[in-house]
N, C-alpha and C. Protein backbone atom coordinates (compact mmCIF):
# COMPACT_ATOMS: atom_id res chain seq x y z
N MET A 1 99.11 -18.26 -27.71
CA MET A 1 98.81 -17.29 -28.77
C MET A 1 97.34 -17.23 -29.06
N ARG A 2 96.70 -18.45 -29.10
CA ARG A 2 95.27 -18.49 -29.42
C ARG A 2 94.45 -17.83 -28.31
N SER A 3 94.83 -18.09 -27.03
CA SER A 3 94.12 -17.45 -25.94
C SER A 3 94.25 -15.92 -25.96
N ALA A 4 95.39 -15.42 -26.38
CA ALA A 4 95.55 -13.94 -26.50
C ALA A 4 94.62 -13.41 -27.59
N LEU A 5 94.48 -14.12 -28.69
CA LEU A 5 93.60 -13.73 -29.75
C LEU A 5 92.13 -13.72 -29.29
N ILE A 6 91.75 -14.78 -28.60
CA ILE A 6 90.36 -14.86 -28.08
C ILE A 6 90.13 -13.73 -27.07
N LEU A 7 91.11 -13.47 -26.18
CA LEU A 7 90.96 -12.40 -25.19
C LEU A 7 90.83 -11.03 -25.92
N GLY A 8 91.58 -10.81 -26.99
CA GLY A 8 91.49 -9.61 -27.76
C GLY A 8 90.11 -9.39 -28.39
N VAL A 9 89.54 -10.50 -28.93
CA VAL A 9 88.18 -10.47 -29.54
C VAL A 9 87.15 -10.13 -28.48
N VAL A 10 87.27 -10.76 -27.32
CA VAL A 10 86.30 -10.58 -26.20
C VAL A 10 86.39 -9.12 -25.72
N LEU A 11 87.58 -8.61 -25.50
CA LEU A 11 87.76 -7.23 -25.03
C LEU A 11 87.22 -6.23 -26.09
N GLY A 12 87.43 -6.51 -27.35
CA GLY A 12 86.91 -5.63 -28.41
C GLY A 12 85.41 -5.64 -28.42
N ALA A 13 84.80 -6.80 -28.21
CA ALA A 13 83.34 -6.90 -28.19
C ALA A 13 82.77 -6.14 -26.96
N LEU A 14 83.43 -6.27 -25.84
CA LEU A 14 82.98 -5.54 -24.62
C LEU A 14 83.10 -4.05 -24.82
N ALA A 15 84.18 -3.55 -25.41
CA ALA A 15 84.33 -2.13 -25.66
C ALA A 15 83.27 -1.62 -26.61
N ALA A 16 82.96 -2.37 -27.64
CA ALA A 16 81.93 -1.99 -28.59
C ALA A 16 80.57 -1.96 -27.92
N SER A 17 80.31 -2.91 -27.09
CA SER A 17 79.05 -2.98 -26.35
C SER A 17 78.93 -1.78 -25.41
N ALA A 18 80.00 -1.43 -24.71
CA ALA A 18 79.99 -0.31 -23.80
C ALA A 18 79.73 1.01 -24.60
N GLN A 19 80.39 1.16 -25.69
CA GLN A 19 80.20 2.36 -26.57
C GLN A 19 78.75 2.42 -27.03
N HIS A 20 78.19 1.30 -27.45
CA HIS A 20 76.82 1.32 -27.90
C HIS A 20 75.84 1.70 -26.81
N GLY A 21 76.16 1.22 -25.54
CA GLY A 21 75.32 1.57 -24.43
C GLY A 21 75.35 3.08 -24.14
N VAL A 22 76.49 3.68 -24.23
CA VAL A 22 76.62 5.14 -24.03
C VAL A 22 75.90 5.84 -25.14
N ALA A 23 76.10 5.46 -26.40
CA ALA A 23 75.44 6.10 -27.57
C ALA A 23 73.92 5.99 -27.44
N ALA A 24 73.38 4.89 -26.91
CA ALA A 24 71.93 4.72 -26.78
C ALA A 24 71.35 5.70 -25.77
N GLU A 25 72.16 6.15 -24.81
CA GLU A 25 71.70 7.03 -23.77
C GLU A 25 71.81 8.49 -24.18
N LEU A 26 72.44 8.80 -25.30
CA LEU A 26 72.58 10.17 -25.77
C LEU A 26 71.41 10.63 -26.59
N ALA A 27 71.32 11.92 -26.75
CA ALA A 27 70.35 12.49 -27.65
C ALA A 27 70.78 12.21 -29.12
N ASP A 28 69.82 12.31 -30.07
CA ASP A 28 70.16 12.19 -31.48
C ASP A 28 69.16 13.08 -32.25
N LEU A 29 69.50 14.33 -32.44
CA LEU A 29 68.63 15.28 -33.13
C LEU A 29 68.56 14.99 -34.64
N GLU A 30 67.34 15.19 -35.18
CA GLU A 30 67.17 14.93 -36.61
C GLU A 30 66.01 15.80 -37.09
N VAL A 31 66.18 16.33 -38.33
CA VAL A 31 65.04 17.04 -38.92
C VAL A 31 64.01 15.98 -39.34
N HIS A 32 62.84 16.08 -38.79
CA HIS A 32 61.85 15.07 -39.04
C HIS A 32 60.89 15.47 -40.19
N GLY A 33 60.59 16.78 -40.23
CA GLY A 33 59.71 17.28 -41.32
C GLY A 33 60.07 18.69 -41.65
N LEU A 34 59.85 19.08 -42.90
CA LEU A 34 60.17 20.40 -43.38
C LEU A 34 59.20 20.79 -44.45
N ALA A 35 58.53 21.94 -44.28
CA ALA A 35 57.49 22.38 -45.24
C ALA A 35 57.36 23.88 -45.19
N VAL A 36 56.43 24.41 -46.01
CA VAL A 36 56.12 25.81 -46.06
C VAL A 36 54.58 25.98 -45.77
N THR A 37 54.22 26.87 -44.91
CA THR A 37 52.80 27.11 -44.63
C THR A 37 52.13 27.80 -45.80
N ASP A 38 50.80 27.89 -45.79
CA ASP A 38 50.06 28.60 -46.83
C ASP A 38 50.52 30.06 -46.96
N GLN A 39 51.01 30.64 -45.88
CA GLN A 39 51.44 32.01 -45.88
C GLN A 39 52.89 32.15 -46.25
N GLY A 40 53.63 31.08 -46.50
CA GLY A 40 54.99 31.11 -46.97
C GLY A 40 56.05 30.94 -45.90
N SER A 41 55.67 30.74 -44.61
CA SER A 41 56.59 30.58 -43.53
C SER A 41 57.17 29.18 -43.54
N VAL A 42 58.46 29.07 -43.18
CA VAL A 42 59.04 27.75 -43.05
C VAL A 42 58.58 27.11 -41.73
N ILE A 43 58.15 25.88 -41.83
CA ILE A 43 57.73 25.12 -40.61
C ILE A 43 58.49 23.82 -40.65
N TYR A 44 58.85 23.34 -39.47
CA TYR A 44 59.62 22.08 -39.38
C TYR A 44 59.38 21.36 -38.09
N GLN A 45 59.79 20.09 -38.13
CA GLN A 45 59.76 19.26 -36.93
C GLN A 45 61.16 18.79 -36.63
N VAL A 46 61.58 18.94 -35.39
CA VAL A 46 62.84 18.35 -34.96
C VAL A 46 62.55 17.25 -34.00
N ALA A 47 63.17 16.09 -34.23
CA ALA A 47 62.98 14.92 -33.40
C ALA A 47 64.27 14.60 -32.63
N ASN A 48 64.10 14.11 -31.44
CA ASN A 48 65.21 13.52 -30.70
C ASN A 48 65.00 12.04 -30.73
N ARG A 49 65.75 11.34 -31.60
CA ARG A 49 65.60 9.88 -31.78
C ARG A 49 66.34 9.13 -30.69
N GLY A 50 67.18 9.82 -29.91
CA GLY A 50 67.95 9.15 -28.87
C GLY A 50 67.09 8.97 -27.60
N GLU A 51 67.59 8.09 -26.78
CA GLU A 51 66.89 7.86 -25.50
C GLU A 51 67.21 8.93 -24.47
N GLY A 52 68.34 9.58 -24.62
CA GLY A 52 68.72 10.65 -23.69
C GLY A 52 68.19 11.98 -24.17
N GLY A 53 67.91 12.86 -23.21
CA GLY A 53 67.47 14.21 -23.55
C GLY A 53 68.65 15.11 -23.95
N THR A 54 68.32 16.26 -24.56
CA THR A 54 69.41 17.20 -24.95
C THR A 54 70.02 17.86 -23.71
N GLU A 55 69.33 17.88 -22.59
CA GLU A 55 69.81 18.43 -21.31
C GLU A 55 69.98 19.93 -21.35
N ARG A 56 69.87 20.58 -22.47
CA ARG A 56 70.07 22.01 -22.57
C ARG A 56 69.34 22.52 -23.79
N PRO A 57 69.06 23.80 -23.84
CA PRO A 57 68.46 24.39 -25.09
C PRO A 57 69.43 24.25 -26.23
N PHE A 58 68.89 24.30 -27.41
CA PHE A 58 69.73 24.27 -28.63
C PHE A 58 69.10 25.16 -29.69
N VAL A 59 69.85 25.53 -30.68
CA VAL A 59 69.40 26.43 -31.71
C VAL A 59 69.24 25.67 -33.02
N VAL A 60 68.31 26.15 -33.84
CA VAL A 60 68.14 25.66 -35.21
C VAL A 60 68.27 26.87 -36.13
N ASP A 61 69.22 26.85 -37.03
CA ASP A 61 69.38 27.91 -38.01
C ASP A 61 68.59 27.58 -39.27
N VAL A 62 67.85 28.53 -39.76
CA VAL A 62 66.96 28.34 -40.93
C VAL A 62 67.51 29.26 -42.07
N TYR A 63 67.88 28.64 -43.16
CA TYR A 63 68.41 29.35 -44.34
C TYR A 63 67.43 29.27 -45.50
N VAL A 64 67.27 30.34 -46.24
CA VAL A 64 66.48 30.38 -47.43
C VAL A 64 67.39 30.89 -48.54
N ASP A 65 67.54 30.09 -49.58
CA ASP A 65 68.41 30.42 -50.72
C ASP A 65 69.78 30.86 -50.29
N GLY A 66 70.35 30.15 -49.32
CA GLY A 66 71.73 30.38 -48.88
C GLY A 66 71.95 31.46 -47.85
N VAL A 67 70.87 32.13 -47.46
CA VAL A 67 70.96 33.22 -46.46
C VAL A 67 70.27 32.84 -45.20
N ARG A 68 71.00 32.95 -44.06
CA ARG A 68 70.36 32.64 -42.79
C ARG A 68 69.28 33.68 -42.50
N ARG A 69 68.03 33.21 -42.36
CA ARG A 69 66.89 34.12 -42.11
C ARG A 69 66.39 34.05 -40.67
N ASP A 70 66.72 32.96 -39.94
CA ASP A 70 66.23 32.85 -38.63
C ASP A 70 67.09 31.88 -37.78
N SER A 71 67.15 32.11 -36.51
CA SER A 71 67.74 31.20 -35.55
C SER A 71 66.69 31.00 -34.45
N ILE A 72 66.27 29.78 -34.33
CA ILE A 72 65.19 29.50 -33.36
C ILE A 72 65.74 28.68 -32.22
N THR A 73 65.52 29.13 -31.03
CA THR A 73 65.98 28.44 -29.84
C THR A 73 64.90 27.47 -29.35
N HIS A 74 65.31 26.22 -29.19
CA HIS A 74 64.36 25.20 -28.63
C HIS A 74 64.78 24.93 -27.22
N GLY A 75 63.84 24.67 -26.37
CA GLY A 75 64.13 24.27 -25.00
C GLY A 75 64.65 22.85 -25.01
N PRO A 76 65.15 22.33 -23.85
CA PRO A 76 65.64 20.99 -23.81
C PRO A 76 64.60 19.99 -24.36
N LEU A 77 65.05 19.07 -25.14
CA LEU A 77 64.17 18.11 -25.80
C LEU A 77 64.41 16.73 -25.20
N PRO A 78 63.38 16.16 -24.50
CA PRO A 78 63.57 14.83 -23.94
C PRO A 78 63.78 13.78 -25.01
N GLY A 79 64.30 12.62 -24.59
CA GLY A 79 64.53 11.56 -25.55
C GLY A 79 63.25 11.05 -26.14
N LEU A 80 63.31 10.60 -27.40
CA LEU A 80 62.19 10.03 -28.13
C LEU A 80 60.97 10.95 -28.21
N THR A 81 61.23 12.24 -28.43
CA THR A 81 60.14 13.21 -28.56
C THR A 81 60.33 14.05 -29.84
N LEU A 82 59.31 14.92 -30.08
CA LEU A 82 59.27 15.71 -31.29
C LEU A 82 58.75 17.08 -30.98
N GLN A 83 59.32 18.12 -31.64
CA GLN A 83 58.81 19.46 -31.46
C GLN A 83 58.55 20.05 -32.87
N THR A 84 57.53 20.85 -33.00
CA THR A 84 57.28 21.61 -34.23
C THR A 84 57.50 23.07 -34.02
N ALA A 85 58.13 23.69 -34.99
CA ALA A 85 58.40 25.13 -34.88
C ALA A 85 58.11 25.78 -36.23
N GLN A 86 57.69 27.02 -36.18
CA GLN A 86 57.44 27.84 -37.36
C GLN A 86 58.26 29.11 -37.26
N SER A 87 58.93 29.45 -38.35
CA SER A 87 59.71 30.65 -38.36
C SER A 87 58.83 31.86 -38.72
N GLY A 88 59.00 32.94 -38.02
CA GLY A 88 58.31 34.17 -38.36
C GLY A 88 59.18 35.02 -39.34
N LEU A 89 60.42 34.64 -39.52
CA LEU A 89 61.35 35.40 -40.37
C LEU A 89 61.74 34.71 -41.69
N ALA A 90 61.82 33.38 -41.67
CA ALA A 90 62.21 32.63 -42.85
C ALA A 90 60.95 32.35 -43.66
N ARG A 91 60.84 33.05 -44.79
CA ARG A 91 59.64 32.93 -45.60
C ARG A 91 60.01 32.80 -47.07
N LEU A 92 59.12 32.17 -47.86
CA LEU A 92 59.24 32.12 -49.30
C LEU A 92 58.20 33.08 -49.90
N PRO A 93 58.60 33.84 -50.89
CA PRO A 93 57.57 34.72 -51.53
C PRO A 93 56.47 33.87 -52.18
N ARG A 94 55.31 34.43 -52.28
CA ARG A 94 54.15 33.72 -52.88
C ARG A 94 54.50 33.27 -54.28
N CYS A 95 54.15 32.02 -54.60
CA CYS A 95 54.32 31.42 -55.90
C CYS A 95 55.80 31.23 -56.29
N LYS A 96 56.67 31.16 -55.32
CA LYS A 96 58.12 31.01 -55.58
C LYS A 96 58.63 29.71 -54.96
N THR A 97 59.65 29.16 -55.62
CA THR A 97 60.34 27.98 -55.09
C THR A 97 61.67 28.47 -54.55
N GLY A 98 62.10 27.87 -53.44
CA GLY A 98 63.35 28.26 -52.85
C GLY A 98 64.04 27.06 -52.20
N THR A 99 65.30 27.21 -51.92
CA THR A 99 66.08 26.16 -51.24
C THR A 99 66.10 26.51 -49.73
N VAL A 100 65.57 25.60 -48.96
CA VAL A 100 65.50 25.80 -47.51
C VAL A 100 66.48 24.76 -46.88
N ARG A 101 67.30 25.31 -45.96
CA ARG A 101 68.29 24.47 -45.30
C ARG A 101 68.12 24.69 -43.77
N LEU A 102 68.01 23.58 -43.05
CA LEU A 102 67.98 23.63 -41.60
C LEU A 102 69.25 23.05 -41.07
N VAL A 103 69.80 23.69 -40.05
CA VAL A 103 70.98 23.19 -39.35
C VAL A 103 70.66 23.11 -37.87
N LEU A 104 70.61 21.89 -37.35
CA LEU A 104 70.30 21.69 -35.94
C LEU A 104 71.54 21.80 -35.11
N ASP A 105 71.48 22.50 -34.01
CA ASP A 105 72.58 22.63 -33.07
C ASP A 105 73.92 23.04 -33.78
N PRO A 106 73.91 24.16 -34.49
CA PRO A 106 75.12 24.56 -35.17
C PRO A 106 76.32 24.86 -34.28
N GLN A 107 76.08 25.16 -33.00
CA GLN A 107 77.19 25.39 -32.07
C GLN A 107 77.71 24.10 -31.43
N ASN A 108 77.08 22.95 -31.78
CA ASN A 108 77.51 21.66 -31.20
C ASN A 108 77.48 21.63 -29.72
N GLY A 109 76.41 22.19 -29.12
CA GLY A 109 76.31 22.19 -27.65
C GLY A 109 75.64 20.96 -27.07
N VAL A 110 74.99 20.17 -27.92
CA VAL A 110 74.30 18.96 -27.45
C VAL A 110 75.16 17.73 -27.70
N ARG A 111 75.33 16.89 -26.67
CA ARG A 111 76.05 15.66 -26.88
C ARG A 111 75.08 14.70 -27.59
N GLU A 112 75.49 14.19 -28.74
CA GLU A 112 74.64 13.32 -29.56
C GLU A 112 75.39 12.05 -29.98
N SER A 113 74.59 11.07 -30.24
CA SER A 113 75.15 9.80 -30.77
C SER A 113 75.57 9.96 -32.24
N SER A 114 74.96 10.90 -32.96
CA SER A 114 75.32 11.15 -34.34
C SER A 114 75.02 12.59 -34.74
N LYS A 115 75.95 13.26 -35.35
CA LYS A 115 75.72 14.63 -35.84
C LYS A 115 75.44 14.58 -37.37
N ALA A 116 75.49 13.39 -37.92
CA ALA A 116 75.33 13.23 -39.37
C ALA A 116 73.95 13.62 -39.88
N ASN A 117 72.94 13.60 -39.02
CA ASN A 117 71.58 13.90 -39.45
C ASN A 117 71.08 15.23 -38.90
N ASN A 118 72.02 16.15 -38.66
CA ASN A 118 71.65 17.47 -38.13
C ASN A 118 71.38 18.53 -39.17
N GLU A 119 71.28 18.14 -40.40
CA GLU A 119 71.06 19.09 -41.45
C GLU A 119 70.16 18.50 -42.53
N ARG A 120 69.28 19.35 -43.08
CA ARG A 120 68.45 18.94 -44.19
C ARG A 120 68.28 20.14 -45.17
N VAL A 121 68.37 19.80 -46.46
CA VAL A 121 68.15 20.77 -47.50
C VAL A 121 67.05 20.31 -48.37
N ALA A 122 66.10 21.22 -48.74
CA ALA A 122 64.95 20.83 -49.56
C ALA A 122 64.54 21.99 -50.45
N GLN A 123 64.06 21.67 -51.64
CA GLN A 123 63.43 22.63 -52.53
C GLN A 123 61.96 22.69 -52.15
N LEU A 124 61.48 23.86 -51.74
CA LEU A 124 60.10 24.02 -51.35
C LEU A 124 59.45 25.13 -52.15
N ALA A 125 58.17 24.99 -52.34
CA ALA A 125 57.42 26.00 -53.09
C ALA A 125 56.32 26.55 -52.23
N SER A 126 56.10 27.86 -52.30
CA SER A 126 55.05 28.50 -51.57
C SER A 126 53.75 28.45 -52.39
N ALA A 127 52.64 28.58 -51.69
CA ALA A 127 51.34 28.53 -52.36
C ALA A 127 51.12 29.76 -53.25
N CYS A 128 50.34 29.57 -54.28
CA CYS A 128 50.03 30.66 -55.17
C CYS A 128 48.67 31.28 -54.88
N ALA A 129 47.75 30.50 -54.53
CA ALA A 129 46.37 30.96 -54.24
C ALA A 129 46.35 31.67 -52.94
N PRO A 130 45.71 32.77 -52.81
CA PRO A 130 45.55 33.45 -51.52
C PRO A 130 44.89 32.53 -50.53
N SER A 131 45.32 32.55 -49.29
CA SER A 131 44.70 31.75 -48.25
C SER A 131 43.26 32.20 -48.00
N THR A 132 42.35 31.21 -47.78
CA THR A 132 40.95 31.53 -47.52
C THR A 132 40.65 31.48 -46.04
N ARG A 133 41.66 31.34 -45.23
CA ARG A 133 41.45 31.25 -43.77
C ARG A 133 41.35 32.63 -43.14
C-alpha cells in the first residue's frame, strides 16, 4: 500500500513537471504599459512574457468608455519581447478622463500559458495644454 502511495506521488510530480515544461515553452501575452499621448491617442505596450513565440499574428481590441474604437493587428511576437503600438482611432478628447480597456488576443488564437493577464482597464486623462511640438 505504501509503495502505491509513493508511486502515486512520484507520478503526480512528474506530470506537474511535464506540464510546467510545456507552459514555459508557450507564449504569455500581457499588457505591459497603457497611456495616452499628448494628442489624446491611446498608446500601449504588449509583452510576451513566455519563452515561446506567438507563432502567428494576433489582435488587440482597444475600448474607450465601453465602445470598441480600434482593433490593432500585431505580427508574431517572439518570446520574452515587447512591442509598442499607438491607436489612430482610439482617442480621448482634450482635457477629458476616460476608461480605456485593452483585450489581447480576443479570438484566442494564440496558445498561451495564461489568459488571465490578457486584459487591462485603466482610467486615463488626456492633456489639457496644447502640444508645443
